[in-house]
């Protein structure tokens, strides 16, 4: 009789945050977005799950994590979890991942996510309705980039220059004593 062992996912982080929407350029607590998130680890793969709910029920049009000012590492993104979002319109680029439902979607709550080989850090997000925006810096877990190779190379060059061009200390001649 063969005995199998299935890998069980370990919860790395989880939480729930509620955010006020921005309507006509001002924060309006009457429009709330609740994001429940969970990051699990199983067999070396992290699964990032995000559950979005608007209150009152407002159609979700898009949800984006990361971006130019706060990039995530998309090099190891694996399976995307689309929920009710459009798989054709959703996806990722070099620094963010996003889901699109479109205008008049009728979707006011959904669960989306992805897998990655990298552990979570905290990054910004943006969610939209057709006229309401929710965003917050550094509150959603996502895989964050490691220092770029260029930054590491520049640091190494700086250290090399420091070591190569520093002035050596003057050496004083030492007396050698002889015993007879």
N, C-alpha and C. Protein backbone atom coordinates (compact mmCIF):
# COMPACT_ATOMS: atom_id res chain seq x y z
N UNK A 1 0.83 -1.16 0.00
CA UNK A 1 0.00 0.00 0.00
C UNK A 1 0.89 1.24 0.00
N UNK A 2 0.67 2.11 -0.96
CA UNK A 2 1.46 3.34 -1.07
C UNK A 2 0.84 4.41 -0.18
N UNK A 3 1.71 5.13 0.52
CA UNK A 3 1.26 6.21 1.39
C UNK A 3 1.70 7.52 0.76
N UNK A 4 0.76 8.43 0.58
CA UNK A 4 1.08 9.73 -0.01
C UNK A 4 1.06 10.81 1.05
N UNK A 5 1.80 11.84 0.80
CA UNK A 5 1.84 12.98 1.71
C UNK A 5 1.60 14.24 0.87
N UNK A 6 0.57 14.97 1.17
CA UNK A 6 0.32 16.19 0.42
C UNK A 6 0.91 17.37 1.19
N UNK A 7 1.46 18.31 0.43
CA UNK A 7 2.03 19.51 1.03
C UNK A 7 0.89 20.40 1.51
N UNK A 8 1.02 20.90 2.70
CA UNK A 8 0.00 21.77 3.26
C UNK A 8 0.51 23.21 3.22
N UNK A 9 -0.36 24.12 2.83
CA UNK A 9 0.03 25.52 2.73
C UNK A 9 0.17 26.14 4.11
N UNK A 10 1.21 26.93 4.27
CA UNK A 10 1.46 27.66 5.51
C UNK A 10 1.09 29.12 5.26
N UNK A 11 0.31 29.71 6.15
CA UNK A 11 -0.04 31.12 6.01
C UNK A 11 1.15 31.96 6.43
N UNK A 12 1.61 32.81 5.52
CA UNK A 12 2.74 33.71 5.77
C UNK A 12 2.24 35.02 6.36
N UNK A 13 1.20 35.58 5.79
CA UNK A 13 0.60 36.81 6.29
C UNK A 13 -0.85 36.86 5.85
N UNK A 14 -1.67 37.51 6.66
CA UNK A 14 -3.07 37.70 6.31
C UNK A 14 -3.57 38.94 7.02
N UNK A 15 -4.62 39.52 6.49
CA UNK A 15 -5.19 40.70 7.12
C UNK A 15 -6.36 41.23 6.33
N UNK A 16 -7.00 42.22 6.91
CA UNK A 16 -8.12 42.90 6.26
C UNK A 16 -7.98 44.39 6.52
N UNK A 17 -8.06 45.18 5.46
CA UNK A 17 -8.00 46.63 5.57
C UNK A 17 -9.18 47.23 4.83
N UNK A 18 -9.71 48.32 5.37
CA UNK A 18 -10.81 49.04 4.72
C UNK A 18 -10.34 50.45 4.42
N UNK A 19 -10.65 50.91 3.21
CA UNK A 19 -10.18 52.20 2.74
C UNK A 19 -11.34 53.06 2.28
N UNK A 20 -11.24 54.37 2.50
CA UNK A 20 -12.22 55.32 2.00
C UNK A 20 -11.92 55.65 0.56
N UNK A 21 -12.96 55.83 -0.21
CA UNK A 21 -12.78 56.16 -1.62
C UNK A 21 -12.52 57.63 -1.83
N UNK A 22 -12.00 57.95 -2.99
CA UNK A 22 -11.82 59.33 -3.42
C UNK A 22 -12.88 59.59 -4.48
N UNK A 23 -13.75 60.54 -4.18
CA UNK A 23 -14.86 60.87 -5.08
C UNK A 23 -14.83 62.37 -5.31
N UNK A 24 -14.80 62.79 -6.56
CA UNK A 24 -14.70 64.21 -6.92
C UNK A 24 -13.51 64.89 -6.25
N UNK A 25 -12.38 64.18 -6.17
CA UNK A 25 -11.14 64.75 -5.65
C UNK A 25 -11.00 64.78 -4.14
N UNK A 26 -12.00 64.31 -3.40
CA UNK A 26 -11.93 64.32 -1.93
C UNK A 26 -12.20 62.94 -1.37
N UNK A 27 -11.57 62.65 -0.21
CA UNK A 27 -11.85 61.39 0.46
C UNK A 27 -13.30 61.40 0.90
N UNK A 28 -13.98 60.28 0.66
CA UNK A 28 -15.38 60.17 1.02
C UNK A 28 -15.59 58.82 1.72
N UNK A 29 -15.71 58.83 3.04
CA UNK A 29 -15.86 57.59 3.78
C UNK A 29 -17.16 56.84 3.49
N UNK A 30 -18.06 57.46 2.72
CA UNK A 30 -19.30 56.77 2.36
C UNK A 30 -19.03 55.66 1.34
N UNK A 31 -17.88 55.71 0.67
CA UNK A 31 -17.52 54.68 -0.32
C UNK A 31 -16.30 53.92 0.20
N UNK A 32 -16.51 52.70 0.59
CA UNK A 32 -15.47 51.89 1.21
C UNK A 32 -15.04 50.74 0.30
N UNK A 33 -13.76 50.40 0.37
CA UNK A 33 -13.23 49.20 -0.26
C UNK A 33 -12.56 48.39 0.84
N UNK A 34 -12.99 47.17 1.01
CA UNK A 34 -12.35 46.27 1.97
C UNK A 34 -11.53 45.26 1.19
N UNK A 35 -10.25 45.14 1.57
CA UNK A 35 -9.36 44.16 0.96
C UNK A 35 -8.92 43.19 2.04
N UNK A 36 -9.30 41.94 1.87
CA UNK A 36 -8.81 40.87 2.73
C UNK A 36 -7.73 40.16 1.93
N UNK A 37 -6.56 39.99 2.52
CA UNK A 37 -5.47 39.35 1.79
C UNK A 37 -4.91 38.19 2.60
N UNK A 38 -4.33 37.26 1.87
CA UNK A 38 -3.66 36.12 2.49
C UNK A 38 -2.54 35.68 1.56
N UNK A 39 -1.37 35.47 2.13
CA UNK A 39 -0.24 34.92 1.38
C UNK A 39 0.11 33.60 2.04
N UNK A 40 0.12 32.54 1.23
CA UNK A 40 0.46 31.21 1.74
C UNK A 40 1.69 30.70 1.01
N UNK A 41 2.36 29.74 1.64
CA UNK A 41 3.54 29.10 1.06
C UNK A 41 3.33 27.61 1.05
N UNK A 42 3.51 27.00 -0.11
CA UNK A 42 3.39 25.57 -0.25
C UNK A 42 4.39 25.10 -1.31
N UNK A 43 5.26 24.17 -0.94
CA UNK A 43 6.26 23.61 -1.86
C UNK A 43 7.08 24.69 -2.55
N UNK A 44 7.47 25.73 -1.81
CA UNK A 44 8.33 26.78 -2.34
C UNK A 44 7.61 27.82 -3.19
N UNK A 45 6.29 27.75 -3.30
CA UNK A 45 5.53 28.70 -4.11
C UNK A 45 4.60 29.50 -3.19
N UNK A 46 4.66 30.82 -3.33
CA UNK A 46 3.79 31.71 -2.57
C UNK A 46 2.52 31.97 -3.39
N UNK A 47 1.38 31.90 -2.73
CA UNK A 47 0.11 32.24 -3.38
C UNK A 47 -0.43 33.49 -2.71
N UNK A 48 -0.66 34.51 -3.52
CA UNK A 48 -1.17 35.79 -3.07
C UNK A 48 -2.65 35.86 -3.43
N UNK A 49 -3.52 35.96 -2.42
CA UNK A 49 -4.97 36.05 -2.64
C UNK A 49 -5.47 37.38 -2.09
N UNK A 50 -6.31 38.06 -2.88
CA UNK A 50 -6.91 39.33 -2.49
C UNK A 50 -8.42 39.24 -2.71
N UNK A 51 -9.19 39.50 -1.66
CA UNK A 51 -10.64 39.55 -1.78
C UNK A 51 -11.08 41.00 -1.65
N UNK A 52 -11.76 41.51 -2.64
CA UNK A 52 -12.18 42.90 -2.70
C UNK A 52 -13.69 43.00 -2.54
N UNK A 53 -14.14 43.95 -1.74
CA UNK A 53 -15.58 44.18 -1.56
C UNK A 53 -15.81 45.67 -1.44
N UNK A 54 -16.74 46.21 -2.22
CA UNK A 54 -17.09 47.63 -2.14
C UNK A 54 -18.37 47.79 -1.31
N UNK A 55 -18.42 48.88 -0.52
CA UNK A 55 -19.60 49.19 0.28
C UNK A 55 -19.84 50.70 0.20
N UNK A 56 -21.00 51.16 -0.25
CA UNK A 56 -22.08 50.38 -0.81
C UNK A 56 -21.62 49.71 -2.10
N UNK A 57 -22.43 48.83 -2.61
CA UNK A 57 -22.06 48.05 -3.80
C UNK A 57 -21.78 48.97 -4.99
N UNK A 58 -20.49 49.11 -5.31
CA UNK A 58 -20.04 49.88 -6.46
C UNK A 58 -19.29 48.93 -7.38
N UNK A 59 -19.53 49.04 -8.67
CA UNK A 59 -18.87 48.14 -9.63
C UNK A 59 -17.36 48.33 -9.61
N UNK A 60 -16.63 47.24 -9.51
CA UNK A 60 -15.17 47.29 -9.67
C UNK A 60 -14.88 47.39 -11.15
N UNK A 61 -13.96 48.28 -11.52
CA UNK A 61 -13.53 48.35 -12.91
C UNK A 61 -12.09 47.89 -13.07
N UNK A 62 -11.24 48.14 -12.04
CA UNK A 62 -9.85 47.68 -12.13
C UNK A 62 -9.23 47.61 -10.74
N UNK A 63 -8.19 46.81 -10.65
CA UNK A 63 -7.40 46.66 -9.42
C UNK A 63 -5.97 46.41 -9.86
N UNK A 64 -5.03 47.27 -9.42
CA UNK A 64 -3.63 47.17 -9.83
C UNK A 64 -2.74 47.20 -8.59
N UNK A 65 -1.74 46.34 -8.56
CA UNK A 65 -0.77 46.30 -7.47
C UNK A 65 0.60 46.64 -8.05
N UNK A 66 1.32 47.56 -7.39
CA UNK A 66 2.65 47.96 -7.84
C UNK A 66 2.56 49.10 -8.84
N UNK A 67 3.60 49.25 -9.65
CA UNK A 67 3.66 50.31 -10.64
C UNK A 67 5.03 50.98 -10.63
N UNK A 68 5.19 52.01 -11.43
CA UNK A 68 6.49 52.69 -11.57
C UNK A 68 7.06 53.16 -10.25
N UNK A 69 6.24 53.80 -9.41
CA UNK A 69 6.75 54.36 -8.16
C UNK A 69 6.95 53.33 -7.06
N UNK A 70 6.33 52.18 -7.17
CA UNK A 70 6.40 51.15 -6.15
C UNK A 70 6.29 49.79 -6.83
N UNK A 71 7.34 49.39 -7.56
CA UNK A 71 7.26 48.19 -8.40
C UNK A 71 7.22 46.89 -7.60
N UNK A 72 6.64 45.89 -8.23
CA UNK A 72 6.72 44.54 -7.70
C UNK A 72 7.56 43.72 -8.66
N UNK A 73 8.06 42.59 -8.21
CA UNK A 73 8.87 41.72 -9.05
C UNK A 73 7.94 40.75 -9.77
N UNK A 74 7.77 40.97 -11.06
CA UNK A 74 6.88 40.12 -11.85
C UNK A 74 7.63 39.02 -12.60
N UNK A 75 8.95 38.95 -12.41
CA UNK A 75 9.73 37.94 -13.14
C UNK A 75 9.35 36.52 -12.78
N UNK A 76 8.88 36.31 -11.56
CA UNK A 76 8.55 34.94 -11.15
C UNK A 76 7.05 34.72 -10.96
N UNK A 77 6.22 35.66 -11.48
CA UNK A 77 4.79 35.45 -11.37
C UNK A 77 4.40 34.20 -12.14
N UNK A 78 3.54 33.42 -11.51
CA UNK A 78 3.07 32.19 -12.13
C UNK A 78 1.61 32.32 -12.50
N UNK A 79 0.82 31.38 -12.04
CA UNK A 79 -0.60 31.35 -12.36
C UNK A 79 -1.32 32.57 -11.82
N UNK A 80 -2.13 33.18 -12.66
CA UNK A 80 -2.98 34.28 -12.20
C UNK A 80 -4.34 33.73 -11.85
N UNK A 81 -4.92 34.28 -10.81
CA UNK A 81 -6.28 33.94 -10.38
C UNK A 81 -7.14 35.13 -10.79
N UNK A 82 -8.02 34.94 -11.77
CA UNK A 82 -8.76 36.05 -12.35
C UNK A 82 -10.08 36.35 -11.65
N UNK A 83 -10.64 35.40 -10.91
CA UNK A 83 -11.96 35.62 -10.35
C UNK A 83 -12.93 35.91 -11.47
N UNK A 84 -13.67 37.01 -11.36
CA UNK A 84 -14.62 37.41 -12.40
C UNK A 84 -14.02 38.43 -13.37
N UNK A 85 -12.74 38.80 -13.17
CA UNK A 85 -12.06 39.76 -14.06
C UNK A 85 -11.82 39.13 -15.42
N UNK A 86 -11.64 39.97 -16.41
CA UNK A 86 -11.39 39.50 -17.77
C UNK A 86 -9.97 38.96 -17.90
N UNK A 87 -9.81 37.66 -18.21
CA UNK A 87 -8.46 37.11 -18.40
C UNK A 87 -7.74 37.75 -19.58
N UNK A 88 -8.47 38.20 -20.57
CA UNK A 88 -7.86 38.81 -21.75
C UNK A 88 -7.32 40.20 -21.43
N UNK A 89 -8.05 40.97 -20.61
CA UNK A 89 -7.65 42.34 -20.29
C UNK A 89 -6.76 42.42 -19.06
N UNK A 90 -6.69 41.38 -18.26
CA UNK A 90 -5.88 41.38 -17.03
C UNK A 90 -4.51 40.80 -17.32
N UNK A 91 -3.56 41.06 -16.43
CA UNK A 91 -2.22 40.51 -16.61
C UNK A 91 -1.18 41.33 -15.86
N UNK A 92 0.07 41.24 -16.32
CA UNK A 92 1.14 41.96 -15.64
C UNK A 92 2.15 42.46 -16.65
N UNK A 93 2.92 43.47 -16.21
CA UNK A 93 4.03 43.98 -17.01
C UNK A 93 5.28 43.89 -16.16
N UNK A 94 6.28 44.69 -16.41
CA UNK A 94 7.55 44.56 -15.71
C UNK A 94 7.51 45.00 -14.25
N UNK A 95 6.50 45.77 -13.82
CA UNK A 95 6.50 46.27 -12.45
C UNK A 95 5.14 46.27 -11.75
N UNK A 96 4.11 45.71 -12.38
CA UNK A 96 2.79 45.68 -11.74
C UNK A 96 1.95 44.53 -12.28
N UNK A 97 0.90 44.23 -11.54
CA UNK A 97 -0.06 43.21 -11.95
C UNK A 97 -1.44 43.83 -11.78
N UNK A 98 -2.36 43.53 -12.71
CA UNK A 98 -3.67 44.16 -12.63
C UNK A 98 -4.78 43.30 -13.19
N UNK A 99 -5.97 43.59 -12.71
CA UNK A 99 -7.18 42.90 -13.15
C UNK A 99 -8.16 43.95 -13.64
N UNK A 100 -8.90 43.63 -14.70
CA UNK A 100 -9.85 44.56 -15.28
C UNK A 100 -11.21 43.90 -15.42
N UNK A 101 -12.23 44.57 -14.88
CA UNK A 101 -13.60 44.08 -15.01
C UNK A 101 -14.34 44.89 -16.06
N UNK A 102 -14.00 46.14 -16.24
CA UNK A 102 -14.66 46.99 -17.20
C UNK A 102 -15.82 47.75 -16.59
N UNK A 103 -16.27 48.79 -17.30
CA UNK A 103 -17.38 49.61 -16.84
C UNK A 103 -18.67 48.81 -16.84
N UNK A 104 -19.53 49.12 -15.89
CA UNK A 104 -20.83 48.45 -15.76
C UNK A 104 -20.68 46.94 -15.65
N UNK A 105 -19.66 46.51 -14.92
CA UNK A 105 -19.39 45.07 -14.79
C UNK A 105 -20.41 44.36 -13.92
N UNK A 106 -20.98 45.09 -12.98
CA UNK A 106 -21.89 44.47 -12.03
C UNK A 106 -21.17 43.70 -10.93
N UNK A 107 -19.82 43.71 -10.96
CA UNK A 107 -19.02 43.00 -9.96
C UNK A 107 -18.68 43.97 -8.84
N UNK A 108 -19.18 43.70 -7.65
CA UNK A 108 -18.93 44.56 -6.49
C UNK A 108 -18.05 43.86 -5.45
N UNK A 109 -17.80 42.57 -5.66
CA UNK A 109 -16.92 41.79 -4.78
C UNK A 109 -16.30 40.69 -5.63
N UNK A 110 -15.01 40.46 -5.41
CA UNK A 110 -14.32 39.42 -6.18
C UNK A 110 -13.05 39.00 -5.45
N UNK A 111 -12.53 37.84 -5.82
CA UNK A 111 -11.26 37.33 -5.29
C UNK A 111 -10.32 37.10 -6.46
N UNK A 112 -9.13 37.71 -6.38
CA UNK A 112 -8.12 37.60 -7.43
C UNK A 112 -6.79 37.26 -6.78
N UNK A 113 -5.79 36.92 -7.57
CA UNK A 113 -4.47 36.63 -7.02
C UNK A 113 -3.51 36.10 -8.06
N UNK A 114 -2.38 35.56 -7.56
CA UNK A 114 -1.35 35.00 -8.42
C UNK A 114 -0.39 34.19 -7.56
N UNK A 115 0.50 33.48 -8.22
CA UNK A 115 1.56 32.75 -7.51
C UNK A 115 2.90 33.36 -7.89
N UNK A 116 3.88 33.16 -7.01
CA UNK A 116 5.23 33.68 -7.23
C UNK A 116 6.21 32.86 -6.41
N UNK A 117 7.46 32.86 -6.84
CA UNK A 117 8.52 32.21 -6.08
C UNK A 117 9.08 33.11 -4.99
N UNK A 118 8.66 34.37 -4.95
CA UNK A 118 9.23 35.34 -4.02
C UNK A 118 8.31 35.62 -2.83
N UNK A 119 8.90 35.84 -1.65
CA UNK A 119 8.11 36.17 -0.46
C UNK A 119 7.57 37.60 -0.54
N UNK A 120 6.59 37.92 0.31
CA UNK A 120 5.95 39.24 0.21
C UNK A 120 6.72 40.36 0.88
N UNK A 121 6.51 41.53 0.32
CA UNK A 121 6.87 42.81 0.91
C UNK A 121 5.59 43.64 0.83
N UNK A 122 5.64 44.90 1.18
CA UNK A 122 4.44 45.73 1.13
C UNK A 122 4.55 46.74 -0.01
N UNK A 123 3.49 46.83 -0.81
CA UNK A 123 3.47 47.74 -1.95
C UNK A 123 2.12 48.44 -2.04
N UNK A 124 2.05 49.41 -2.92
CA UNK A 124 0.82 50.18 -3.10
C UNK A 124 -0.14 49.48 -4.06
N UNK A 125 -1.38 49.93 -4.03
CA UNK A 125 -2.39 49.40 -4.93
C UNK A 125 -3.28 50.56 -5.36
N UNK A 126 -4.05 50.33 -6.41
CA UNK A 126 -5.10 51.24 -6.84
C UNK A 126 -6.27 50.40 -7.31
N UNK A 127 -7.47 50.74 -6.87
CA UNK A 127 -8.69 50.10 -7.34
C UNK A 127 -9.62 51.21 -7.83
N UNK A 128 -10.43 50.89 -8.82
CA UNK A 128 -11.31 51.90 -9.38
C UNK A 128 -12.71 51.38 -9.64
N UNK A 129 -13.64 52.28 -9.52
CA UNK A 129 -15.00 52.18 -10.00
C UNK A 129 -15.00 53.19 -11.15
N UNK A 130 -16.06 53.42 -11.83
CA UNK A 130 -16.02 54.38 -12.93
C UNK A 130 -15.75 55.81 -12.46
N UNK A 131 -16.12 56.18 -11.21
CA UNK A 131 -15.85 57.54 -10.73
C UNK A 131 -15.30 57.59 -9.31
N UNK A 132 -14.95 56.45 -8.74
CA UNK A 132 -14.38 56.38 -7.40
C UNK A 132 -13.03 55.68 -7.49
N UNK A 133 -12.06 56.19 -6.74
CA UNK A 133 -10.74 55.54 -6.69
C UNK A 133 -10.40 55.23 -5.25
N UNK A 134 -9.79 54.07 -5.05
CA UNK A 134 -9.24 53.70 -3.75
C UNK A 134 -7.77 53.44 -3.97
N UNK A 135 -6.92 53.97 -3.10
CA UNK A 135 -5.49 53.68 -3.21
C UNK A 135 -4.86 53.89 -1.85
N UNK A 136 -3.74 53.23 -1.66
CA UNK A 136 -3.01 53.38 -0.42
C UNK A 136 -1.58 52.93 -0.64
N UNK A 137 -0.61 53.68 -0.15
CA UNK A 137 0.78 53.26 -0.32
C UNK A 137 1.18 52.19 0.71
N UNK A 138 1.93 51.23 0.26
CA UNK A 138 2.63 50.26 1.13
C UNK A 138 1.74 49.50 2.11
N UNK A 139 0.62 48.97 1.67
CA UNK A 139 -0.22 48.23 2.59
C UNK A 139 -0.63 46.85 2.09
N UNK A 140 -0.35 46.50 0.86
CA UNK A 140 -0.76 45.23 0.30
C UNK A 140 0.48 44.36 0.10
N UNK A 141 0.46 43.10 0.58
CA UNK A 141 1.63 42.24 0.36
C UNK A 141 1.72 41.81 -1.11
N UNK A 142 2.94 41.84 -1.62
CA UNK A 142 3.23 41.41 -2.99
C UNK A 142 4.73 41.15 -3.07
N UNK A 143 5.18 40.39 -4.09
CA UNK A 143 6.63 40.15 -4.22
C UNK A 143 7.34 41.44 -4.62
N UNK A 144 8.30 41.85 -3.84
CA UNK A 144 9.02 43.09 -4.13
C UNK A 144 10.34 42.77 -4.83
N UNK A 145 10.82 43.72 -5.65
CA UNK A 145 12.05 43.45 -6.39
C UNK A 145 13.27 43.38 -5.48
N UNK A 146 14.20 42.57 -5.88
CA UNK A 146 15.50 42.54 -5.22
C UNK A 146 16.31 43.68 -5.81
N UNK A 147 17.41 44.08 -5.16
CA UNK A 147 18.22 45.16 -5.74
C UNK A 147 18.64 44.78 -7.16
N UNK A 148 18.56 45.73 -8.04
CA UNK A 148 18.88 45.45 -9.44
C UNK A 148 20.37 45.15 -9.61
N UNK A 149 20.68 44.44 -10.65
CA UNK A 149 22.07 44.12 -10.95
C UNK A 149 22.87 45.39 -11.18
N UNK A 150 22.25 46.38 -11.81
CA UNK A 150 22.94 47.64 -12.07
C UNK A 150 23.31 48.33 -10.75
N UNK A 151 22.41 48.34 -9.79
CA UNK A 151 22.70 48.96 -8.49
C UNK A 151 23.82 48.21 -7.79
N UNK A 152 23.80 46.90 -7.85
CA UNK A 152 24.87 46.11 -7.23
C UNK A 152 26.21 46.36 -7.92
N UNK A 153 26.20 46.46 -9.25
CA UNK A 153 27.42 46.73 -10.00
C UNK A 153 27.97 48.12 -9.66
N UNK A 154 27.09 49.11 -9.55
CA UNK A 154 27.53 50.47 -9.20
C UNK A 154 28.14 50.48 -7.81
N UNK A 155 27.55 49.76 -6.86
CA UNK A 155 28.10 49.67 -5.51
C UNK A 155 29.47 49.02 -5.51
N UNK A 156 29.62 47.95 -6.28
CA UNK A 156 30.91 47.27 -6.37
C UNK A 156 31.97 48.18 -6.99
N UNK A 157 31.59 48.95 -8.02
CA UNK A 157 32.53 49.88 -8.65
C UNK A 157 32.97 50.96 -7.68
N UNK A 158 32.05 51.45 -6.88
CA UNK A 158 32.37 52.47 -5.89
C UNK A 158 33.36 51.92 -4.86
N UNK A 159 33.15 50.74 -4.38
CA UNK A 159 34.07 50.12 -3.42
C UNK A 159 35.43 49.89 -4.06
N UNK A 160 35.45 49.43 -5.32
CA UNK A 160 36.71 49.19 -6.04
C UNK A 160 37.50 50.50 -6.13
N UNK A 161 36.82 51.59 -6.52
CA UNK A 161 37.51 52.88 -6.64
C UNK A 161 38.04 53.35 -5.29
N UNK A 162 37.28 53.17 -4.25
CA UNK A 162 37.71 53.57 -2.92
C UNK A 162 38.97 52.81 -2.51
N UNK A 163 38.97 51.53 -2.73
CA UNK A 163 40.11 50.71 -2.34
C UNK A 163 41.32 51.01 -3.22
N UNK A 164 41.13 51.13 -4.51
CA UNK A 164 42.24 51.31 -5.44
C UNK A 164 42.90 52.69 -5.28
N UNK A 165 42.11 53.73 -5.08
CA UNK A 165 42.65 55.07 -5.08
C UNK A 165 42.84 55.69 -3.70
N UNK A 166 42.69 54.94 -2.66
CA UNK A 166 42.95 55.50 -1.34
C UNK A 166 44.45 55.62 -1.15
N UNK A 167 44.86 56.56 -0.36
CA UNK A 167 46.29 56.76 -0.12
C UNK A 167 46.77 55.76 0.90
N UNK A 168 47.82 55.09 0.60
CA UNK A 168 48.35 54.16 1.59
C UNK A 168 48.98 54.95 2.75
N UNK A 169 48.92 54.41 3.91
CA UNK A 169 49.52 55.05 5.09
C UNK A 169 51.03 55.05 4.93
N UNK A 170 51.67 56.14 5.39
CA UNK A 170 53.13 56.20 5.32
C UNK A 170 53.70 55.22 6.32
N UNK A 171 54.65 54.50 5.88
CA UNK A 171 55.31 53.53 6.75
C UNK A 171 56.58 54.16 7.31
N UNK A 172 56.79 54.01 8.57
CA UNK A 172 57.99 54.51 9.22
C UNK A 172 59.02 53.38 9.23
N UNK A 173 60.26 53.72 8.94
CA UNK A 173 61.27 52.67 9.02
C UNK A 173 61.39 52.16 10.45
N UNK A 174 61.57 50.90 10.59
CA UNK A 174 61.69 50.30 11.90
C UNK A 174 63.14 49.90 12.14
N UNK A 175 63.54 50.07 13.36
CA UNK A 175 64.89 49.68 13.73
C UNK A 175 64.90 48.21 13.99
N UNK A 176 65.92 47.60 13.52
CA UNK A 176 66.10 46.19 13.77
C UNK A 176 67.21 46.05 14.79
N UNK A 177 66.95 45.43 15.85
CA UNK A 177 67.97 45.25 16.87
C UNK A 177 68.56 43.87 16.71
N UNK A 178 69.86 43.82 16.95
CA UNK A 178 70.56 42.54 16.86
C UNK A 178 71.09 42.19 18.23
N UNK A 179 70.95 40.99 18.54
CA UNK A 179 71.54 40.51 19.77
C UNK A 179 72.84 39.79 19.45
N UNK A 180 73.73 39.95 20.28
CA UNK A 180 75.00 39.28 20.07
C UNK A 180 75.12 38.04 20.88
